[in-house]
Each structure stands twice: as structure tokens, then as C-alpha cells.
Amino acid sequence: MIAFFANIFGYVLNFFYELVGNYGIAIILFCLAIKIIMLPLSIKQQKSLKKNYKLQNEMKQIQFKYKNDPEKLNQATIELYKREKLSPFSGCLSAIIQLVLLFSVFYMVKEPLTYVKKIDTEAINFYVNVLTENNLTQGNAYSGAYQEIAVINQADKIKEIEENKVEEGQEQSEQEKKAIENIDELYINMNFLGIDLSKVPTQSLNDYRVYIIPVLYVISSFISMRLATSMQKQASKKNEPIEINAEGDNKDQKEEKEEIDPLAQANKNMSLIMPIMSIAISLIAPLGLALYWLMNNILMIIEKLILNKVLKNEEE
């Protein structure tokens, strides 16, 4: 399934690359396009979160009322969400889409010749064999998991080797002739503001430039999480639940106030898990992936600020 989406996204990314001629700018435009497509879902999720905060007062009363009866508690909770047309699992769809995007983009930047340039597997294997036969994979950091990156970086060498074979009059198979004819497709301009987006941070430790995008991504993730936490606190404070007038000790009331509803819990977990997972992957993947996530974070921050302002005005 991931390969299917990576293939579709590859058409979009290649369209932008053919348009601007730069891999980095194409990734930024691709990210912007995805954000625009996902905007209706983002608006729906933001509205669900705001509506969920408003229901916390009633939710806490239900939790307190049926604290000793789990069956009635679940039934009352389901009825509350059903009445308000709010699903406790509404955050799951967003989480699934984020995971699909995460791995689909990873596949694209890992194998750009397959998913972006749409070069067939036989031709790619031929280029890899040329590198291997001529010992061009020795000392190449991308010869293992990122063979297509190695082919792109060694495109000039491959072309030179095959042209020499033609000049020497060596007999060539149909596959070799076809590969030579299409060899210009191997060239992808991955230089973005002086940073080679084909490089992998953990495989290029001596190049300080490989850390720039991942560090900016970490900073943007921190800002995004702080913003989400701040918005949640503001909404919770605005909809502070009334005191529950029922007999019980302070301990029971404290426990009830600390209850977290399913939707808020799901979003809190995702806000923590996704950045950690993304940072770990970005360190072992080509920098094109980290650039996508960096731009995604920046656009997400802008989106949250605008949607929060717009929805706030609607409420007022």
C-alpha cells in the first residue's frame, strides 16, 4: 500500500521538479500541495478539538457520576459523543494519514529513480551493476540501502563508462542501448542552498551542512508542540469545568479532574510520537525527507495559528 501511494506522490513531485528544475524547491511545492489538499481534514480536526474542549465539563460530570460503574460510564460517554456528533476516534484518521505520508515520502526520497523518475527496475539494476563491476561502490556510503542515490551521484561515471564501450566498439545488448539512451534521466539537481539533499546525516558525519535541516526540523517540532500545548491550555481554561456538587473526598475529585478524554489523549500521544519517530528516521534517510518534514512543520504552525484565529472569530 505504501508503495502505491509513493508511486502516486512521485508523479506530483516529478511534476514540480520538471517545473522548477530543483529537487529542494520541488519538495517544498509538493509539501504545500499536500497541505492544501489536506486542509478540509485539518479544519474538521481543529473544530473537533475545540468542540471536545467544550464537552469536558459534561464529560467530567459523567465520569464522576459513574466512576464505580464502568458499563454505564461507557454507555453515557458514547451517548454524549453521539449526541454532539463527535467521534472519540476522530484523531485516528489523521494519525493514519500522517503515517502513510511519512513512509510514502520516505520511499520517494530513498528511491527517487523508481517513484519520481519512473525508471524501470531493469534499467536501475543495470546502472547498479555498472557501478559494482567498475568498483565504484567501494567507499560509497549509498551503495547499500540507497543504491539509487549512488546511481544518481555517479551518473557522470556511468555515462563515461558506457560511452567508452561504444568508442571501443564493444557489442552492446538492447538493454545497454536503451539504458544509454535514457541515461540523462539519472540527473536530478539535489543542490538546495548549498546543501546536497541526497546525503544521509549518519553517513556524512564530517559535513556540518547535513545537520542544518535536521536541527531546524527539531526546532520547528519543539515550536509546534509548544503551540499545540498552549492552545490546548487556553481552550481548557476557557471551558473550565464547574465544581461537581457531590459528596466525596478531595482525593476523588482530584482524580476526576485528571481524567483525560479519548480524543485529547490520542492527539497528545500523536504530538509526542510523530516528532520522535520523524527525527529518528530523518537521521538515517536522505536530507530530502528532513526538508519535507521541516516544511510540513512550518506550514502546520502557520495553519494552526490561522485556523485558531478564524474559528475563534466564528465563535465570538
Protein backbone atom coordinates (compact mmCIF):
# COMPACT_ATOMS: atom_id res chain seq x y z
CA MET A 1 0.00 0.00 0.00
CA ILE A 2 2.82 2.40 0.88
CA ALA A 3 4.47 1.75 -2.49
CA PHE A 4 1.16 2.55 -4.21
CA PHE A 5 0.91 5.98 -2.55
CA ALA A 6 4.63 6.63 -3.06
CA ASN A 7 4.12 5.98 -6.76
CA ILE A 8 1.20 8.43 -6.95
CA PHE A 9 3.03 11.10 -4.94
CA GLY A 10 6.03 10.55 -7.22
CA TYR A 11 4.05 11.87 -10.20
CA VAL A 12 3.24 15.04 -8.24
CA LEU A 13 6.83 15.56 -7.08
CA ASN A 14 8.18 14.95 -10.59
CA PHE A 15 5.69 17.48 -11.99
CA PHE A 16 7.06 20.15 -9.67
CA TYR A 17 10.66 19.10 -10.38
CA GLU A 18 10.13 19.41 -14.14
CA LEU A 19 8.55 22.80 -13.47
CA VAL A 20 11.34 24.33 -11.33
CA GLY A 21 14.36 22.11 -12.03
CA ASN A 22 15.40 21.89 -8.38
CA TYR A 23 14.70 18.91 -6.10
CA GLY A 24 14.52 21.02 -2.93
CA ILE A 25 12.09 23.58 -4.33
CA ALA A 26 10.02 20.74 -5.80
CA ILE A 27 9.76 19.13 -2.34
CA ILE A 28 8.59 22.46 -0.85
CA LEU A 29 5.92 22.86 -3.54
CA PHE A 30 4.90 19.22 -3.07
CA CYS A 31 4.51 19.78 0.67
CA LEU A 32 2.44 22.91 0.04
CA ALA A 33 0.18 20.99 -2.36
CA ILE A 34 -0.37 18.21 0.18
CA LYS A 35 -1.24 20.78 2.86
CA ILE A 36 -3.82 22.41 0.59
CA ILE A 37 -5.38 19.03 -0.22
CA MET A 38 -5.47 18.12 3.47
CA LEU A 39 -6.90 21.50 4.54
CA PRO A 40 -10.54 20.33 4.83
CA LEU A 41 -9.47 17.49 7.14
CA SER A 42 -7.34 19.89 9.19
CA ILE A 43 -10.28 22.27 9.60
CA LYS A 44 -12.55 19.39 10.65
CA GLN A 45 -9.98 18.13 13.17
CA GLN A 46 -9.45 21.62 14.63
CA LYS A 47 -13.21 22.08 15.02
CA SER A 48 -13.47 18.66 16.67
CA LEU A 49 -10.77 19.58 19.16
CA LYS A 50 -12.46 22.86 20.07
CA LYS A 51 -15.82 21.13 20.41
CA ASN A 52 -14.18 18.45 22.52
CA TYR A 53 -12.80 21.02 24.98
CA LYS A 54 -16.30 22.44 25.41
CA LEU A 55 -17.62 18.99 26.34
CA GLN A 56 -15.04 18.45 29.09
CA ASN A 57 -17.33 19.91 31.73
CA GLU A 58 -20.12 17.46 30.95
CA MET A 59 -17.64 14.63 30.44
CA LYS A 60 -16.13 15.07 33.89
CA GLN A 61 -19.57 15.06 35.48
CA ILE A 62 -20.34 11.76 33.75
CA GLN A 63 -17.02 10.31 34.88
CA PHE A 64 -17.69 11.37 38.45
CA LYS A 65 -21.29 10.14 38.42
CA TYR A 66 -20.48 6.66 37.08
CA LYS A 67 -16.98 6.22 38.50
CA ASN A 68 -17.99 2.93 40.11
CA ASP A 69 -19.96 1.64 37.13
CA PRO A 70 -17.73 1.23 34.04
CA GLU A 71 -20.57 -0.11 31.90
CA LYS A 72 -22.82 2.92 32.46
CA LEU A 73 -19.81 5.22 32.12
CA ASN A 74 -19.03 3.84 28.65
CA GLN A 75 -22.69 4.00 27.63
CA ALA A 76 -23.09 7.60 28.82
CA THR A 77 -19.84 8.59 27.09
CA ILE A 78 -20.95 7.04 23.80
CA GLU A 79 -24.32 8.79 24.03
CA LEU A 80 -22.61 12.13 24.71
CA TYR A 81 -20.33 11.85 21.67
CA LYS A 82 -23.23 10.59 19.54
CA ARG A 83 -25.45 13.47 20.60
CA GLU A 84 -22.76 16.02 19.80
CA LYS A 85 -21.80 14.20 16.57
CA LEU A 86 -18.22 13.87 17.76
CA SER A 87 -16.25 10.65 17.40
CA PRO A 88 -13.74 9.76 20.15
CA PHE A 89 -11.61 8.22 17.40
CA SER A 90 -11.67 11.20 15.03
CA GLY A 91 -7.95 11.70 15.62
CA CYS A 92 -7.18 8.20 14.31
CA LEU A 93 -7.82 9.13 10.66
CA SER A 94 -5.37 12.00 10.88
CA ALA A 95 -2.79 9.72 12.53
CA ILE A 96 -3.17 7.08 9.81
CA ILE A 97 -2.80 9.68 7.05
CA GLN A 98 0.32 11.09 8.72
CA LEU A 99 1.88 7.61 8.88
CA VAL A 100 1.04 6.92 5.23
CA LEU A 101 2.60 10.25 4.22
CA LEU A 102 5.63 9.61 6.42
CA PHE A 103 6.52 6.28 4.84
CA SER A 104 5.41 7.25 1.31
CA VAL A 105 7.73 10.27 1.25
CA PHE A 106 10.48 8.11 2.76
CA TYR A 107 10.08 5.64 -0.13
CA MET A 108 10.23 8.54 -2.64
CA VAL A 109 13.44 10.08 -1.34
CA LYS A 110 15.01 6.64 -0.84
CA GLU A 111 14.24 5.51 -4.39
CA PRO A 112 13.72 8.66 -6.50
CA LEU A 113 14.51 6.91 -9.77
CA THR A 114 11.71 4.39 -9.19
CA TYR A 115 9.00 6.61 -7.74
CA VAL A 116 9.82 10.07 -9.11
CA LYS A 117 11.56 9.48 -12.44
CA LYS A 118 9.63 6.23 -13.13
CA ILE A 119 12.70 4.42 -14.47
CA ASP A 120 12.02 0.69 -14.78
CA THR A 121 13.67 -1.76 -12.39
CA GLU A 122 15.74 -3.50 -15.08
CA ALA A 123 17.41 -0.24 -16.10
CA ILE A 124 18.15 0.67 -12.48
CA ASN A 125 19.66 -2.76 -11.85
CA PHE A 126 21.80 -2.29 -14.96
CA TYR A 127 23.16 1.02 -13.65
CA VAL A 128 23.85 -0.54 -10.24
CA ASN A 129 25.72 -3.42 -11.93
CA VAL A 130 27.86 -0.92 -13.86
CA LEU A 131 28.89 0.67 -10.56
CA THR A 132 29.62 -2.71 -8.99
CA GLU A 133 31.60 -4.07 -11.98
CA ASN A 134 33.77 -0.95 -12.04
CA ASN A 135 34.34 -0.91 -8.25
CA LEU A 136 32.55 2.42 -7.92
CA THR A 137 30.59 1.22 -4.90
CA GLN A 138 33.68 0.87 -2.72
CA GLY A 139 33.70 3.64 -0.15
CA ASN A 140 30.33 4.86 -1.40
CA ALA A 141 28.07 5.48 1.58
CA TYR A 142 24.98 4.96 -0.56
CA SER A 143 25.84 1.60 -2.10
CA GLY A 144 23.72 -0.37 0.37
CA ALA A 145 20.24 0.83 1.33
CA TYR A 146 20.36 3.80 -1.06
CA GLN A 147 21.57 2.31 -4.34
CA GLU A 148 19.51 4.68 -6.44
CA ILE A 149 21.12 7.65 -4.68
CA ALA A 150 24.50 6.13 -5.52
CA VAL A 151 23.47 5.83 -9.19
CA ILE A 152 22.38 9.48 -9.28
CA ASN A 153 25.66 10.64 -7.70
CA GLN A 154 27.70 8.51 -10.12
CA ALA A 155 25.65 9.29 -13.25
CA ASP A 156 28.60 11.01 -14.96
CA LYS A 157 30.84 8.00 -14.35
CA ILE A 158 28.21 5.60 -15.68
CA LYS A 159 27.78 7.70 -18.82
CA GLU A 160 31.55 7.89 -19.34
CA ILE A 161 31.97 4.13 -18.97
CA GLU A 162 29.20 3.32 -21.43
CA GLU A 163 30.44 5.91 -23.97
CA ASN A 164 33.92 4.36 -23.80
CA LYS A 165 32.40 0.97 -24.57
CA VAL A 166 30.76 2.45 -27.67
CA GLU A 167 34.03 4.05 -28.83
CA GLU A 168 35.89 0.78 -28.32
CA GLY A 169 33.32 -0.96 -30.49
CA GLN A 170 32.16 -3.37 -27.79
CA GLU A 171 28.99 -5.23 -28.61
CA GLN A 172 26.01 -3.92 -26.67
CA SER A 173 22.76 -5.57 -25.72
CA GLU A 174 19.38 -3.94 -26.28
CA GLN A 175 19.20 -3.25 -22.55
CA GLU A 176 22.54 -1.40 -22.64
CA LYS A 177 21.48 0.65 -25.66
CA LYS A 178 18.22 1.60 -24.00
CA ALA A 179 19.98 2.45 -20.74
CA ILE A 180 22.46 4.71 -22.54
CA GLU A 181 19.67 6.47 -24.42
CA ASN A 182 17.85 7.22 -21.16
CA ILE A 183 20.92 7.96 -19.04
CA ASP A 184 20.12 11.68 -18.90
CA GLU A 185 17.09 10.79 -16.75
CA LEU A 186 19.52 9.94 -13.93
CA TYR A 187 20.41 13.57 -13.40
CA ILE A 188 18.47 15.17 -10.55
CA ASN A 189 19.52 18.57 -9.23
CA MET A 190 19.63 17.91 -5.49
CA ASN A 191 21.62 21.01 -4.57
CA PHE A 192 19.41 23.17 -2.35
CA LEU A 193 21.00 26.35 -0.99
CA GLY A 194 24.39 24.66 -0.98
CA ILE A 195 23.08 21.51 0.74
CA ASP A 196 23.13 18.16 -1.07
CA LEU A 197 19.71 16.64 -0.37
CA SER A 198 20.94 13.18 -1.38
CA LYS A 199 23.20 12.98 1.67
CA VAL A 200 22.35 10.97 4.78
CA PRO A 201 23.33 12.63 8.11
CA THR A 202 24.62 9.44 9.75
CA GLN A 203 26.71 8.64 6.65
CA SER A 204 28.18 12.13 6.22
CA LEU A 205 29.29 12.98 9.74
CA ASN A 206 32.20 15.15 8.58
CA ASP A 207 29.96 17.52 6.62
CA TYR A 208 28.42 20.06 9.03
CA ARG A 209 25.85 21.09 6.41
CA VAL A 210 23.95 17.79 6.76
CA TYR A 211 22.90 18.85 10.27
CA ILE A 212 21.30 22.17 9.27
CA ILE A 213 17.94 20.84 8.07
CA PRO A 214 17.53 18.19 10.83
CA VAL A 215 18.34 20.79 13.52
CA LEU A 216 15.83 23.23 12.04
CA TYR A 217 13.32 20.38 11.94
CA VAL A 218 13.85 19.65 15.65
CA ILE A 219 13.39 23.35 16.48
CA SER A 220 10.20 23.55 14.41
CA SER A 221 8.89 20.37 16.10
CA PHE A 222 9.50 21.92 19.51
CA ILE A 223 7.69 25.12 18.47
CA SER A 224 4.79 23.10 17.05
CA MET A 225 4.40 21.06 20.26
CA ARG A 226 4.58 24.18 22.46
CA LEU A 227 1.98 25.87 20.28
CA ALA A 228 -0.35 22.86 20.47
CA THR A 229 0.07 22.69 24.26
CA SER A 230 -0.56 26.42 24.63
CA MET A 231 -3.71 26.27 22.50
CA GLN A 232 -4.96 23.29 24.49
CA LYS A 233 -4.39 25.07 27.81
CA GLN A 234 -6.19 28.17 26.59
CA ALA A 235 -9.16 26.13 25.42
CA SER A 236 -9.25 24.13 28.65
CA LYS A 237 -9.07 27.30 30.75
CA LYS A 238 -11.83 28.91 28.73
CA ASN A 239 -14.04 25.86 29.25
CA GLU A 240 -13.03 25.20 32.85
CA PRO A 241 -15.49 22.67 34.27
CA ILE A 242 -17.74 23.74 37.11
CA GLU A 243 -17.27 22.23 40.54
CA ILE A 244 -19.09 18.95 40.96
CA ASN A 245 -21.59 19.21 43.77
CA ALA A 246 -21.49 15.73 45.15
CA GLU A 247 -20.30 14.19 48.33
CA GLY A 248 -16.83 12.73 48.19
CA ASP A 249 -13.39 13.39 49.41
CA ASN A 250 -10.89 15.70 47.79
CA LYS A 251 -8.91 12.78 46.52
CA ASP A 252 -11.84 11.52 44.42
CA GLN A 253 -12.43 14.97 42.95
CA LYS A 254 -8.77 15.38 42.11
CA GLU A 255 -8.72 12.06 40.33
CA GLU A 256 -11.77 13.01 38.28
CA LYS A 257 -10.21 16.32 37.22
CA GLU A 258 -7.17 14.47 35.98
CA GLU A 259 -9.26 12.25 33.69
CA ILE A 260 -8.33 12.72 30.06
CA ASP A 261 -10.85 12.15 27.31
CA PRO A 262 -10.00 9.79 24.40
CA LEU A 263 -9.70 12.46 21.71
CA ALA A 264 -7.37 14.68 23.73
CA GLN A 265 -5.29 11.67 24.76
CA ALA A 266 -4.96 10.45 21.16
CA ASN A 267 -3.83 13.86 19.92
CA LYS A 268 -1.40 14.24 22.82
CA ASN A 269 0.16 10.85 22.09
CA MET A 270 0.50 11.60 18.38
CA SER A 271 2.05 15.02 19.09
CA LEU A 272 4.79 13.22 21.03
CA ILE A 273 5.26 10.04 18.99
CA MET A 274 5.31 11.51 15.47
CA PRO A 275 8.15 14.06 16.02
CA ILE A 276 10.32 11.48 17.82
CA MET A 277 9.77 8.92 15.07
CA SER A 278 10.36 11.51 12.35
CA ILE A 279 13.60 12.79 13.91
CA ALA A 280 14.97 9.25 14.20
CA ILE A 281 14.13 8.45 10.57
CA SER A 282 15.42 11.78 9.25
CA LEU A 283 18.90 10.98 10.58
CA ILE A 284 19.15 7.75 8.56
CA ALA A 285 17.39 8.98 5.41
CA PRO A 286 18.44 11.37 2.62
CA LEU A 287 18.03 15.04 3.57
CA GLY A 288 15.14 15.42 1.14
CA LEU A 289 12.94 13.72 3.72
CA ALA A 290 14.01 16.07 6.53
CA LEU A 291 13.35 19.05 4.24
CA TYR A 292 9.81 17.79 3.60
CA TRP A 293 9.15 17.39 7.33
CA LEU A 294 10.67 20.80 8.09
CA MET A 295 8.39 22.50 5.58
CA ASN A 296 5.45 20.42 6.83
CA ASN A 297 6.07 21.69 10.39
CA ILE A 298 6.37 25.31 9.27
CA LEU A 299 3.15 25.11 7.28
CA MET A 300 1.44 23.28 10.16
CA ILE A 301 2.36 26.06 12.59
CA ILE A 302 1.02 28.71 10.19
CA GLU A 303 -2.11 26.62 9.60
CA LYS A 304 -2.81 26.20 13.33
CA LEU A 305 -2.42 29.90 14.04
CA ILE A 306 -4.72 30.91 11.17
CA LEU A 307 -7.39 28.26 11.86
CA ASN A 308 -7.36 29.03 15.57
CA LYS A 309 -7.89 32.72 14.82
CA VAL A 310 -10.64 32.06 12.25
CA LEU A 311 -12.52 29.58 14.44
CA LYS A 312 -12.20 31.90 17.43
CA ASN A 313 -13.78 34.73 15.43
CA GLU A 314 -16.59 32.40 14.36
CA GLU A 315 -17.30 31.52 17.99
CA GLU A 316 -17.37 35.16 19.01
